[in-house]
PDB file of all heavy atoms in Angstrom:
ATOM      1  N   SER A   1     109.420  97.511  37.673  1.00  0.00           N
ATOM      2  CA  SER A   1     109.332  97.315  36.273  1.00  0.00           C
ATOM      3  C   SER A   1     109.521  98.659  35.520  1.00  0.00           C
ATOM      4  O   SER A   1     109.890  98.644  34.293  1.00  0.00           O
ATOM      5  CB  SER A   1     107.965  96.805  35.866  1.00  0.00           C
ATOM      6  OG  SER A   1     106.911  97.640  36.343  1.00  0.00           O
ATOM      7  N   ASN A   2     109.450  99.768  36.270  1.00  0.00           N
ATOM      8  CA  ASN A   2     109.668 101.084  35.618  1.00  0.00           C
ATOM      9  C   ASN A   2     111.074 101.531  35.813  1.00  0.00           C
ATOM     10  O   ASN A   2     111.498 102.701  35.468  1.00  0.00           O
ATOM     11  CB  ASN A   2     108.746 102.117  36.135  1.00  0.00           C
ATOM     12  CG  ASN A   2     107.234 101.829  35.808  1.00  0.00           C
ATOM     13  OD1 ASN A   2     107.000 101.417  34.667  1.00  0.00           O
ATOM     14  ND2 ASN A   2     106.383 102.043  36.778  1.00  0.00           N
ATOM     15  N   GLY A   3     111.994 100.758  36.438  1.00  0.00           N
ATOM     16  CA  GLY A   3     113.285 101.143  36.674  1.00  0.00           C
ATOM     17  C   GLY A   3     113.490 101.973  37.841  1.00  0.00           C
ATOM     18  O   GLY A   3     114.649 102.499  38.127  1.00  0.00           O
ATOM     19  N   ASN A   4     112.495 102.112  38.710  1.00  0.00           N
ATOM     20  CA  ASN A   4     112.630 102.869  40.014  1.00  0.00           C
ATOM     21  C   ASN A   4     113.060 102.010  41.168  1.00  0.00           C
ATOM     22  O   ASN A   4     112.628 100.892  41.228  1.00  0.00           O
ATOM     23  CB  ASN A   4     111.311 103.561  40.358  1.00  0.00           C
ATOM     24  CG  ASN A   4     110.858 104.545  39.216  1.00  0.00           C
ATOM     25  OD1 ASN A   4     111.623 105.305  38.723  1.00  0.00           O
ATOM     26  ND2 ASN A   4     109.467 104.441  38.929  1.00  0.00           N
ATOM     27  N   PRO A   5     113.952 102.459  41.920  1.00  0.00           N
ATOM     28  CA  PRO A   5     114.424 101.693  43.078  1.00  0.00           C
ATOM     29  C   PRO A   5     113.277 101.263  44.037  1.00  0.00           C
ATOM     30  O   PRO A   5     112.397 102.060  44.272  1.00  0.00           O
ATOM     31  CB  PRO A   5     115.415 102.623  43.786  1.00  0.00           C
ATOM     32  CG  PRO A   5     115.805 103.664  42.754  1.00  0.00           C
ATOM     33  CD  PRO A   5     114.610 103.828  41.924  1.00  0.00           C
ATOM     34  N   ILE A   6     113.362 100.076  44.525  1.00  0.00           N
ATOM     35  CA  ILE A   6     112.309  99.583  45.490  1.00  0.00           C
ATOM     36  C   ILE A   6     112.835  99.913  46.856  1.00  0.00           C
ATOM     37  O   ILE A   6     113.854  99.325  47.346  1.00  0.00           O
ATOM     38  CB  ILE A   6     112.026  98.085  45.320  1.00  0.00           C
ATOM     39  CG1 ILE A   6     111.369  97.760  43.969  1.00  0.00           C
ATOM     40  CG2 ILE A   6     111.138  97.464  46.375  1.00  0.00           C
ATOM     41  CD1 ILE A   6     111.163  96.267  43.684  1.00  0.00           C
ATOM     42  N   VAL A   7     112.143 100.857  47.647  1.00  0.00           N
ATOM     43  CA  VAL A   7     112.604 101.320  48.837  1.00  0.00           C
ATOM     44  C   VAL A   7     111.546 101.046  49.906  1.00  0.00           C
ATOM     45  O   VAL A   7     110.293 101.248  49.677  1.00  0.00           O
ATOM     46  CB  VAL A   7     112.850 102.784  48.771  1.00  0.00           C
ATOM     47  CG1 VAL A   7     113.311 103.226  50.176  1.00  0.00           C
ATOM     48  CG2 VAL A   7     113.963 103.047  47.700  1.00  0.00           C
ATOM     49  N   PHE A   8     111.867 100.552  50.999  1.00  0.00           N
ATOM     50  CA  PHE A   8     110.943 100.279  52.147  1.00  0.00           C
ATOM     51  C   PHE A   8     111.166 101.418  53.212  1.00  0.00           C
ATOM     52  O   PHE A   8     112.310 101.801  53.444  1.00  0.00           O
ATOM     53  CB  PHE A   8     111.253  98.934  52.840  1.00  0.00           C
ATOM     54  CG  PHE A   8     110.852  97.805  51.919  1.00  0.00           C
ATOM     55  CD1 PHE A   8     111.843  97.265  51.071  1.00  0.00           C
ATOM     56  CD2 PHE A   8     109.630  97.203  51.929  1.00  0.00           C
ATOM     57  CE1 PHE A   8     111.596  96.121  50.246  1.00  0.00           C
ATOM     58  CE2 PHE A   8     109.345  96.094  51.188  1.00  0.00           C
ATOM     59  CZ  PHE A   8     110.324  95.561  50.350  1.00  0.00           C
ATOM     60  N   ALA A   9     110.097 101.896  53.804  1.00  0.00           N
ATOM     61  CA  ALA A   9     110.213 102.800  54.987  1.00  0.00           C
ATOM     62  C   ALA A   9     110.514 101.883  56.196  1.00  0.00           C
ATOM     63  O   ALA A   9     110.186 100.746  56.230  1.00  0.00           O
ATOM     64  CB  ALA A   9     108.829 103.568  55.159  1.00  0.00           C
ATOM     65  N   VAL A  10     111.132 102.536  57.178  1.00  0.00           N
ATOM     66  CA  VAL A  10     111.481 101.812  58.472  1.00  0.00           C
ATOM     67  C   VAL A  10     110.424 102.267  59.435  1.00  0.00           C
ATOM     68  O   VAL A  10     110.127 103.414  59.663  1.00  0.00           O
ATOM     69  CB  VAL A  10     112.866 102.238  58.915  1.00  0.00           C
ATOM     70  CG1 VAL A  10     112.998 101.725  60.377  1.00  0.00           C
ATOM     71  CG2 VAL A  10     113.863 101.699  58.046  1.00  0.00           C
ATOM     72  N   ARG A  11     109.752 101.292  60.069  1.00  0.00           N
ATOM     73  CA  ARG A  11     108.804 101.539  61.167  1.00  0.00           C
ATOM     74  C   ARG A  11     109.687 101.660  62.405  1.00  0.00           C
ATOM     75  O   ARG A  11     110.227 100.632  62.948  1.00  0.00           O
ATOM     76  CB  ARG A  11     107.838 100.402  61.321  1.00  0.00           C
ATOM     77  CG  ARG A  11     106.828 100.691  62.415  1.00  0.00           C
ATOM     78  CD  ARG A  11     106.050  99.397  62.769  1.00  0.00           C
ATOM     79  NE  ARG A  11     104.909  99.712  63.678  1.00  0.00           N
ATOM     80  CZ  ARG A  11     104.389  98.814  64.507  1.00  0.00           C
ATOM     81  NH1 ARG A  11     104.926  97.582  64.659  1.00  0.00           N
ATOM     82  NH2 ARG A  11     103.379  99.228  65.232  1.00  0.00           N
ATOM     83  N   GLN A  12     109.788 102.814  63.023  1.00  0.00           N
ATOM     84  CA  GLN A  12     110.488 103.022  64.148  1.00  0.00           C
ATOM     85  C   GLN A  12     109.636 103.029  65.428  1.00  0.00           C
ATOM     86  O   GLN A  12     108.554 103.748  65.344  1.00  0.00           O
ATOM     87  CB  GLN A  12     111.289 104.413  64.145  1.00  0.00           C
ATOM     88  CG  GLN A  12     112.023 104.763  65.384  1.00  0.00           C
ATOM     89  CD  GLN A  12     112.811 106.019  65.256  1.00  0.00           C
ATOM     90  OE1 GLN A  12     113.723 106.118  64.453  1.00  0.00           O
ATOM     91  NE2 GLN A  12     112.499 106.997  66.082  1.00  0.00           N
ATOM     92  N   LEU A  13     110.006 102.278  66.346  1.00  0.00           N
ATOM     93  CA  LEU A  13     109.215 102.295  67.662  1.00  0.00           C
ATOM     94  C   LEU A  13     110.193 102.473  68.762  1.00  0.00           C
ATOM     95  O   LEU A  13     111.249 101.762  68.855  1.00  0.00           O
ATOM     96  CB  LEU A  13     108.621 100.873  67.857  1.00  0.00           C
ATOM     97  CG  LEU A  13     107.277 100.601  67.156  1.00  0.00           C
ATOM     98  CD1 LEU A  13     106.837  99.127  67.375  1.00  0.00           C
ATOM     99  CD2 LEU A  13     106.139 101.550  67.688  1.00  0.00           C
ATOM    100  N   ASP A  14     109.984 103.562  69.513  1.00  0.00           N
ATOM    101  CA  ASP A  14     110.850 103.823  70.681  1.00  0.00           C
ATOM    102  C   ASP A  14     109.881 104.495  71.769  1.00  0.00           C
ATOM    103  O   ASP A  14     108.666 104.733  71.600  1.00  0.00           O
ATOM    104  CB  ASP A  14     112.004 104.704  70.389  1.00  0.00           C
ATOM    105  CG  ASP A  14     111.603 105.998  69.701  1.00  0.00           C
ATOM    106  OD1 ASP A  14     110.446 106.460  69.713  1.00  0.00           O
ATOM    107  OD2 ASP A  14     112.486 106.673  69.122  1.00  0.00           O
ATOM    108  N   GLU A  15     110.570 104.864  72.883  1.00  0.00           N
ATOM    109  CA  GLU A  15     109.742 105.359  74.073  1.00  0.00           C
ATOM    110  C   GLU A  15     110.299 106.529  74.720  1.00  0.00           C
ATOM    111  O   GLU A  15     111.601 106.666  74.777  1.00  0.00           O
ATOM    112  CB  GLU A  15     109.572 104.221  75.068  1.00  0.00           C
ATOM    113  CG  GLU A  15     108.846 103.035  74.596  1.00  0.00           C
ATOM    114  CD  GLU A  15     108.913 101.749  75.428  1.00  0.00           C
ATOM    115  OE1 GLU A  15     109.610 101.843  76.480  1.00  0.00           O
ATOM    116  OE2 GLU A  15     108.378 100.730  75.122  1.00  0.00           O
ATOM    117  N   LEU A  16     109.540 107.325  75.315  1.00  0.00           N
ATOM    118  CA  LEU A  16     109.926 108.452  76.237  1.00  0.00           C
ATOM    119  C   LEU A  16     109.261 108.183  77.531  1.00  0.00           C
ATOM    120  O   LEU A  16     108.187 107.543  77.625  1.00  0.00           O
ATOM    121  CB  LEU A  16     109.521 109.861  75.695  1.00  0.00           C
ATOM    122  CG  LEU A  16     110.000 110.218  74.214  1.00  0.00           C
ATOM    123  CD1 LEU A  16     109.226 111.433  73.774  1.00  0.00           C
ATOM    124  CD2 LEU A  16     111.467 110.456  74.254  1.00  0.00           C
ATOM    125  N   ASN A  17     109.863 108.827  78.645  1.00  0.00           N
ATOM    126  CA  ASN A  17     109.120 108.639  79.910  1.00  0.00           C
ATOM    127  C   ASN A  17     109.561 109.904  80.783  1.00  0.00           C
ATOM    128  O   ASN A  17     110.625 110.479  80.612  1.00  0.00           O
ATOM    129  CB  ASN A  17     109.431 107.387  80.686  1.00  0.00           C
ATOM    130  CG  ASN A  17     110.878 107.272  81.072  1.00  0.00           C
ATOM    131  OD1 ASN A  17     111.289 107.897  81.970  1.00  0.00           O
ATOM    132  ND2 ASN A  17     111.614 106.366  80.357  1.00  0.00           N
ATOM    133  N   MET A  18     108.655 110.268  81.592  1.00  0.00           N
ATOM    134  CA  MET A  18     108.914 111.371  82.538  1.00  0.00           C
ATOM    135  C   MET A  18     108.105 111.144  83.885  1.00  0.00           C
ATOM    136  O   MET A  18     107.138 110.454  83.869  1.00  0.00           O
ATOM    137  CB  MET A  18     108.546 112.705  82.021  1.00  0.00           C
ATOM    138  CG  MET A  18     106.996 112.872  81.731  1.00  0.00           C
ATOM    139  SD  MET A  18     106.610 114.435  80.973  1.00  0.00           S
ATOM    140  CE  MET A  18     107.200 115.679  82.160  1.00  0.00           C
ATOM    141  N   GLN A  19     108.763 111.672  84.947  1.00  0.00           N
ATOM    142  CA  GLN A  19     108.041 111.506  86.259  1.00  0.00           C
ATOM    143  C   GLN A  19     106.920 112.671  86.506  1.00  0.00           C
ATOM    144  O   GLN A  19     107.245 113.750  86.168  1.00  0.00           O
ATOM    145  CB  GLN A  19     109.072 111.533  87.410  1.00  0.00           C
ATOM    146  CG  GLN A  19     110.042 110.312  87.357  1.00  0.00           C
ATOM    147  CD  GLN A  19     109.367 109.021  87.511  1.00  0.00           C
ATOM    148  OE1 GLN A  19     108.501 108.910  88.400  1.00  0.00           O
ATOM    149  NE2 GLN A  19     109.667 108.053  86.744  1.00  0.00           N
ATOM    150  N   LEU A  20     105.813 112.255  86.922  1.00  0.00           N
ATOM    151  CA  LEU A  20     104.751 113.190  87.398  1.00  0.00           C
ATOM    152  C   LEU A  20     104.665 113.192  88.882  1.00  0.00           C
ATOM    153  O   LEU A  20     104.339 112.238  89.468  1.00  0.00           O
ATOM    154  CB  LEU A  20     103.461 112.837  86.824  1.00  0.00           C
ATOM    155  CG  LEU A  20     103.360 112.671  85.233  1.00  0.00           C
ATOM    156  CD1 LEU A  20     102.037 112.263  84.713  1.00  0.00           C
ATOM    157  CD2 LEU A  20     103.792 113.985  84.489  1.00  0.00           C
ATOM    158  N   VAL A  21     104.966 114.410  89.456  1.00  0.00           N
ATOM    159  CA  VAL A  21     104.909 114.475  90.929  1.00  0.00           C
ATOM    160  C   VAL A  21     103.930 115.306  91.460  1.00  0.00           C
ATOM    161  O   VAL A  21     103.781 116.594  91.057  1.00  0.00           O
ATOM    162  CB  VAL A  21     106.368 114.960  91.433  1.00  0.00           C
ATOM    163  CG1 VAL A  21     106.315 115.020  92.996  1.00  0.00           C
ATOM    164  CG2 VAL A  21     107.446 114.022  90.920  1.00  0.00           C
ATOM    165  N   GLY A  22     102.992 114.819  92.230  1.00  0.00           N
ATOM    166  CA  GLY A  22     101.892 115.609  92.839  1.00  0.00           C
ATOM    167  C   GLY A  22     100.891 116.169  91.781  1.00  0.00           C
ATOM    168  O   GLY A  22     100.766 115.749  90.683  1.00  0.00           O
ATOM    169  N   ALA A  23     100.234 117.281  92.164  1.00  0.00           N
ATOM    170  CA  ALA A  23      99.121 117.837  91.296  1.00  0.00           C
ATOM    171  C   ALA A  23      99.744 118.745  90.203  1.00  0.00           C
ATOM    172  O   ALA A  23     100.627 119.452  90.529  1.00  0.00           O
ATOM    173  CB  ALA A  23      98.170 118.513  92.166  1.00  0.00           C
ATOM    174  N   ASN A  24      99.221 118.624  88.995  1.00  0.00           N
ATOM    175  CA  ASN A  24      99.683 119.471  87.931  1.00  0.00           C
ATOM    176  C   ASN A  24      98.670 119.340  86.862  1.00  0.00           C
ATOM    177  O   ASN A  24      98.310 118.309  86.372  1.00  0.00           O
ATOM    178  CB  ASN A  24     101.090 118.901  87.392  1.00  0.00           C
ATOM    179  CG  ASN A  24     101.700 119.799  86.389  1.00  0.00           C
ATOM    180  OD1 ASN A  24     100.983 120.716  85.820  1.00  0.00           O
ATOM    181  ND2 ASN A  24     102.945 119.555  86.055  1.00  0.00           N
ATOM    182  N   ASN A  25      98.214 120.539  86.408  1.00  0.00           N
ATOM    183  CA  ASN A  25      97.084 120.528  85.461  1.00  0.00           C
ATOM    184  C   ASN A  25      97.585 120.952  84.152  1.00  0.00           C
ATOM    185  O   ASN A  25      96.772 121.188  83.204  1.00  0.00           O
ATOM    186  CB  ASN A  25      95.921 121.463  85.830  1.00  0.00           C
ATOM    187  CG  ASN A  25      96.409 122.906  85.928  1.00  0.00           C
ATOM    188  OD1 ASN A  25      97.567 123.280  85.770  1.00  0.00           O
ATOM    189  ND2 ASN A  25      95.396 123.739  86.098  1.00  0.00           N
ATOM    190  N   GLN A  26      98.926 120.994  83.923  1.00  0.00           N
ATOM    191  CA  GLN A  26      99.465 121.222  82.586  1.00  0.00           C
ATOM    192  C   GLN A  26     100.838 120.632  82.427  1.00  0.00           C
ATOM    193  O   GLN A  26     101.838 121.392  82.639  1.00  0.00           O
ATOM    194  CB  GLN A  26      99.495 122.719  82.242  1.00  0.00           C
ATOM    195  CG  GLN A  26      99.765 123.007  80.750  1.00  0.00           C
ATOM    196  CD  GLN A  26      98.657 122.450  79.839  1.00  0.00           C
ATOM    197  OE1 GLN A  26      97.701 123.048  79.573  1.00  0.00           O
ATOM    198  NE2 GLN A  26      98.958 121.291  79.326  1.00  0.00           N
ATOM    199  N   THR A  27     100.887 119.382  82.148  1.00  0.00           N
ATOM    200  CA  THR A  27     102.282 118.751  81.894  1.00  0.00           C
ATOM    201  C   THR A  27     102.536 118.784  80.448  1.00  0.00           C
ATOM    202  O   THR A  27     101.741 118.445  79.650  1.00  0.00           O
ATOM    203  CB  THR A  27     102.190 117.235  82.433  1.00  0.00           C
ATOM    204  OG1 THR A  27     102.085 117.298  83.792  1.00  0.00           O
ATOM    205  CG2 THR A  27     103.522 116.536  82.044  1.00  0.00           C
ATOM    206  N   THR A  28     103.691 119.218  80.089  1.00  0.00           N
ATOM    207  CA  THR A  28     104.169 119.288  78.753  1.00  0.00           C
ATOM    208  C   THR A  28     105.390 118.421  78.394  1.00  0.00           C
ATOM    209  O   THR A  28     106.315 118.402  79.155  1.00  0.00           O
ATOM    210  CB  THR A  28     104.530 120.751  78.319  1.00  0.00           C
ATOM    211  OG1 THR A  28     103.498 121.622  78.557  1.00  0.00           O
ATOM    212  CG2 THR A  28     104.972 120.853  76.895  1.00  0.00           C
ATOM    213  N   LEU A  29     105.313 117.579  77.383  1.00  0.00           N
ATOM    214  CA  LEU A  29     106.347 116.722  76.943  1.00  0.00           C
ATOM    215  C   LEU A  29     106.689 116.929  75.554  1.00  0.00           C
ATOM    216  O   LEU A  29     105.811 116.901  74.590  1.00  0.00           O
ATOM    217  CB  LEU A  29     105.963 115.211  77.201  1.00  0.00           C
ATOM    218  CG  LEU A  29     106.867 114.092  76.769  1.00  0.00           C
ATOM    219  CD1 LEU A  29     108.153 114.198  77.626  1.00  0.00           C
ATOM    220  CD2 LEU A  29     106.221 112.801  76.881  1.00  0.00           C
ATOM    221  N   ASP A  30     107.906 117.147  75.209  1.00  0.00           N
ATOM    222  CA  ASP A  30     108.408 117.132  73.731  1.00  0.00           C
ATOM    223  C   ASP A  30     108.398 115.791  73.230  1.00  0.00           C
ATOM    224  O   ASP A  30     109.195 114.913  73.598  1.00  0.00           O
ATOM    225  CB  ASP A  30     109.766 117.744  73.675  1.00  0.00           C
ATOM    226  CG  ASP A  30     109.828 119.292  73.745  1.00  0.00           C
ATOM    227  OD1 ASP A  30     108.713 119.891  73.646  1.00  0.00           O
ATOM    228  OD2 ASP A  30     110.850 119.900  73.782  1.00  0.00           O
ATOM    229  N   VAL A  31     107.355 115.520  72.378  1.00  0.00           N
ATOM    230  CA  VAL A  31     107.275 114.205  71.800  1.00  0.00           C
ATOM    231  C   VAL A  31     108.335 114.032  70.682  1.00  0.00           C
ATOM    232  O   VAL A  31     108.844 112.871  70.478  1.00  0.00           O
ATOM    233  CB  VAL A  31     105.860 114.000  71.220  1.00  0.00           C
ATOM    234  CG1 VAL A  31     105.797 112.682  70.474  1.00  0.00           C
ATOM    235  CG2 VAL A  31     104.850 113.995  72.253  1.00  0.00           C
ATOM    236  N   ASP A  32     108.640 115.052  69.963  1.00  0.00           N
ATOM    237  CA  ASP A  32     109.696 114.902  68.912  1.00  0.00           C
ATOM    238  C   ASP A  32     110.317 116.406  68.680  1.00  0.00           C
ATOM    239  O   ASP A  32     109.599 117.300  68.668  1.00  0.00           O
ATOM    240  CB  ASP A  32     109.118 114.432  67.650  1.00  0.00           C
ATOM    241  CG  ASP A  32     110.229 114.082  66.620  1.00  0.00           C
ATOM    242  OD1 ASP A  32     110.662 115.081  65.837  1.00  0.00           O
ATOM    243  OD2 ASP A  32     110.649 112.907  66.532  1.00  0.00           O
ATOM    244  N   GLN A  33     111.675 116.352  68.552  1.00  0.00           N
ATOM    245  CA  GLN A  33     112.368 117.547  68.431  1.00  0.00           C
ATOM    246  C   GLN A  33     112.758 117.778  66.990  1.00  0.00           C
ATOM    247  O   GLN A  33     113.984 117.886  66.620  1.00  0.00           O
ATOM    248  CB  GLN A  33     113.603 117.618  69.406  1.00  0.00           C
ATOM    249  CG  GLN A  33     113.167 117.533  70.816  1.00  0.00           C
ATOM    250  CD  GLN A  33     114.366 117.661  71.766  1.00  0.00           C
ATOM    251  OE1 GLN A  33     115.426 117.247  71.397  1.00  0.00           O
ATOM    252  NE2 GLN A  33     114.189 118.157  72.983  1.00  0.00           N
ATOM    253  N   ARG A  34     111.823 117.694  66.090  1.00  0.00           N
ATOM    254  CA  ARG A  34     111.978 117.923  64.601  1.00  0.00           C
ATOM    255  C   ARG A  34     113.032 117.068  64.054  1.00  0.00           C
ATOM    256  O   ARG A  34     114.004 117.499  63.426  1.00  0.00           O
ATOM    257  CB  ARG A  34     112.259 119.410  64.320  1.00  0.00           C
ATOM    258  CG  ARG A  34     110.997 120.266  64.581  1.00  0.00           C
ATOM    259  CD  ARG A  34     111.246 121.710  64.514  1.00  0.00           C
ATOM    260  NE  ARG A  34     111.954 122.206  65.659  1.00  0.00           N
ATOM    261  CZ  ARG A  34     112.322 123.450  65.966  1.00  0.00           C
ATOM    262  NH1 ARG A  34     112.071 124.324  64.937  1.00  0.00           N
ATOM    263  NH2 ARG A  34     112.869 123.900  67.032  1.00  0.00           N
ATOM    264  N   THR A  35     112.978 115.693  64.352  1.00  0.00           N
ATOM    265  CA  THR A  35     113.988 114.790  63.877  1.00  0.00           C
ATOM    266  C   THR A  35     113.802 114.335  62.383  1.00  0.00           C
ATOM    267  O   THR A  35     114.639 113.613  61.877  1.00  0.00           O
ATOM    268  CB  THR A  35     114.029 113.542  64.780  1.00  0.00           C
ATOM    269  OG1 THR A  35     112.668 112.953  64.784  1.00  0.00           O
ATOM    270  CG2 THR A  35     114.375 113.897  66.235  1.00  0.00           C
ATOM    271  N   GLY A  36     112.712 114.721  61.800  1.00  0.00           N
ATOM    272  CA  GLY A  36     112.499 114.424  60.443  1.00  0.00           C
ATOM    273  C   GLY A  36     111.810 113.085  60.156  1.00  0.00           C
ATOM    274  O   GLY A  36     111.832 112.480  59.016  1.00  0.00           O
ATOM    275  N   VAL A  37     111.144 112.503  61.244  1.00  0.00           N
ATOM    276  CA  VAL A  37     110.342 111.388  60.996  1.00  0.00           C
ATOM    277  C   VAL A  37     108.946 111.679  60.596  1.00  0.00           C
ATOM    278  O   VAL A  37     108.523 112.875  60.809  1.00  0.00           O
ATOM    279  CB  VAL A  37     110.332 110.419  62.278  1.00  0.00           C
ATOM    280  CG1 VAL A  37     111.751 110.108  62.692  1.00  0.00           C
ATOM    281  CG2 VAL A  37     109.661 111.179  63.559  1.00  0.00           C
ATOM    282  N   ASN A  38     108.164 110.733  60.180  1.00  0.00           N
ATOM    283  CA  ASN A  38     106.734 110.805  59.917  1.00  0.00           C
ATOM    284  C   ASN A  38     106.016 110.220  61.061  1.00  0.00           C
ATOM    285  O   ASN A  38     105.927 108.956  61.120  1.00  0.00           O
ATOM    286  CB  ASN A  38     106.391 110.308  58.545  1.00  0.00           C
ATOM    287  CG  ASN A  38     104.912 110.642  58.176  1.00  0.00           C
ATOM    288  OD1 ASN A  38     104.358 111.708  58.603  1.00  0.00           O
ATOM    289  ND2 ASN A  38     104.311 109.793  57.409  1.00  0.00           N
ATOM    290  N   MET A  39     105.511 110.931  62.035  1.00  0.00           N
ATOM    291  CA  MET A  39     104.850 110.460  63.242  1.00  0.00           C
ATOM    292  C   MET A  39     103.473 109.792  62.876  1.00  0.00           C
ATOM    293  O   MET A  39     102.721 110.496  62.306  1.00  0.00           O
ATOM    294  CB  MET A  39     104.714 111.530  64.298  1.00  0.00           C
ATOM    295  CG  MET A  39     104.435 110.997  65.651  1.00  0.00           C
ATOM    296  SD  MET A  39     105.736 110.091  66.441  1.00  0.00           S
ATOM    297  CE  MET A  39     106.895 111.338  66.555  1.00  0.00           C
ATOM    298  N   LEU A  40     103.342 108.566  63.281  1.00  0.00           N
ATOM    299  CA  LEU A  40     102.114 107.897  62.899  1.00  0.00           C
ATOM    300  C   LEU A  40     101.204 107.708  64.080  1.00  0.00           C
ATOM    301  O   LEU A  40      99.914 107.819  63.890  1.00  0.00           O
ATOM    302  CB  LEU A  40     102.341 106.458  62.310  1.00  0.00           C
ATOM    303  CG  LEU A  40     103.305 106.428  61.123  1.00  0.00           C
ATOM    304  CD1 LEU A  40     103.432 104.976  60.711  1.00  0.00           C
ATOM    305  CD2 LEU A  40     102.752 107.232  59.981  1.00  0.00           C
ATOM    306  N   SER A  41     101.681 107.347  65.232  1.00  0.00           N
ATOM    307  CA  SER A  41     100.777 107.054  66.389  1.00  0.00           C
ATOM    308  C   SER A  41     101.595 107.228  67.681  1.00  0.00           C
ATOM    309  O   SER A  41     102.757 107.110  67.713  1.00  0.00           O
ATOM    310  CB  SER A  41     100.135 105.703  66.319  1.00  0.00           C
ATOM    311  OG  SER A  41     101.063 104.682  66.608  1.00  0.00           O
TER     312      SER A  41
END
């Protein structure tokens, strides 16, 4: 009603995976490489 465009956000769902082999007490995974999304969960 104010003349502003009605815009919907896109809910993006995707997956990453990596193999864990043997004992390791510090596994690091890049969850996002600064792609410009708003991470929710």
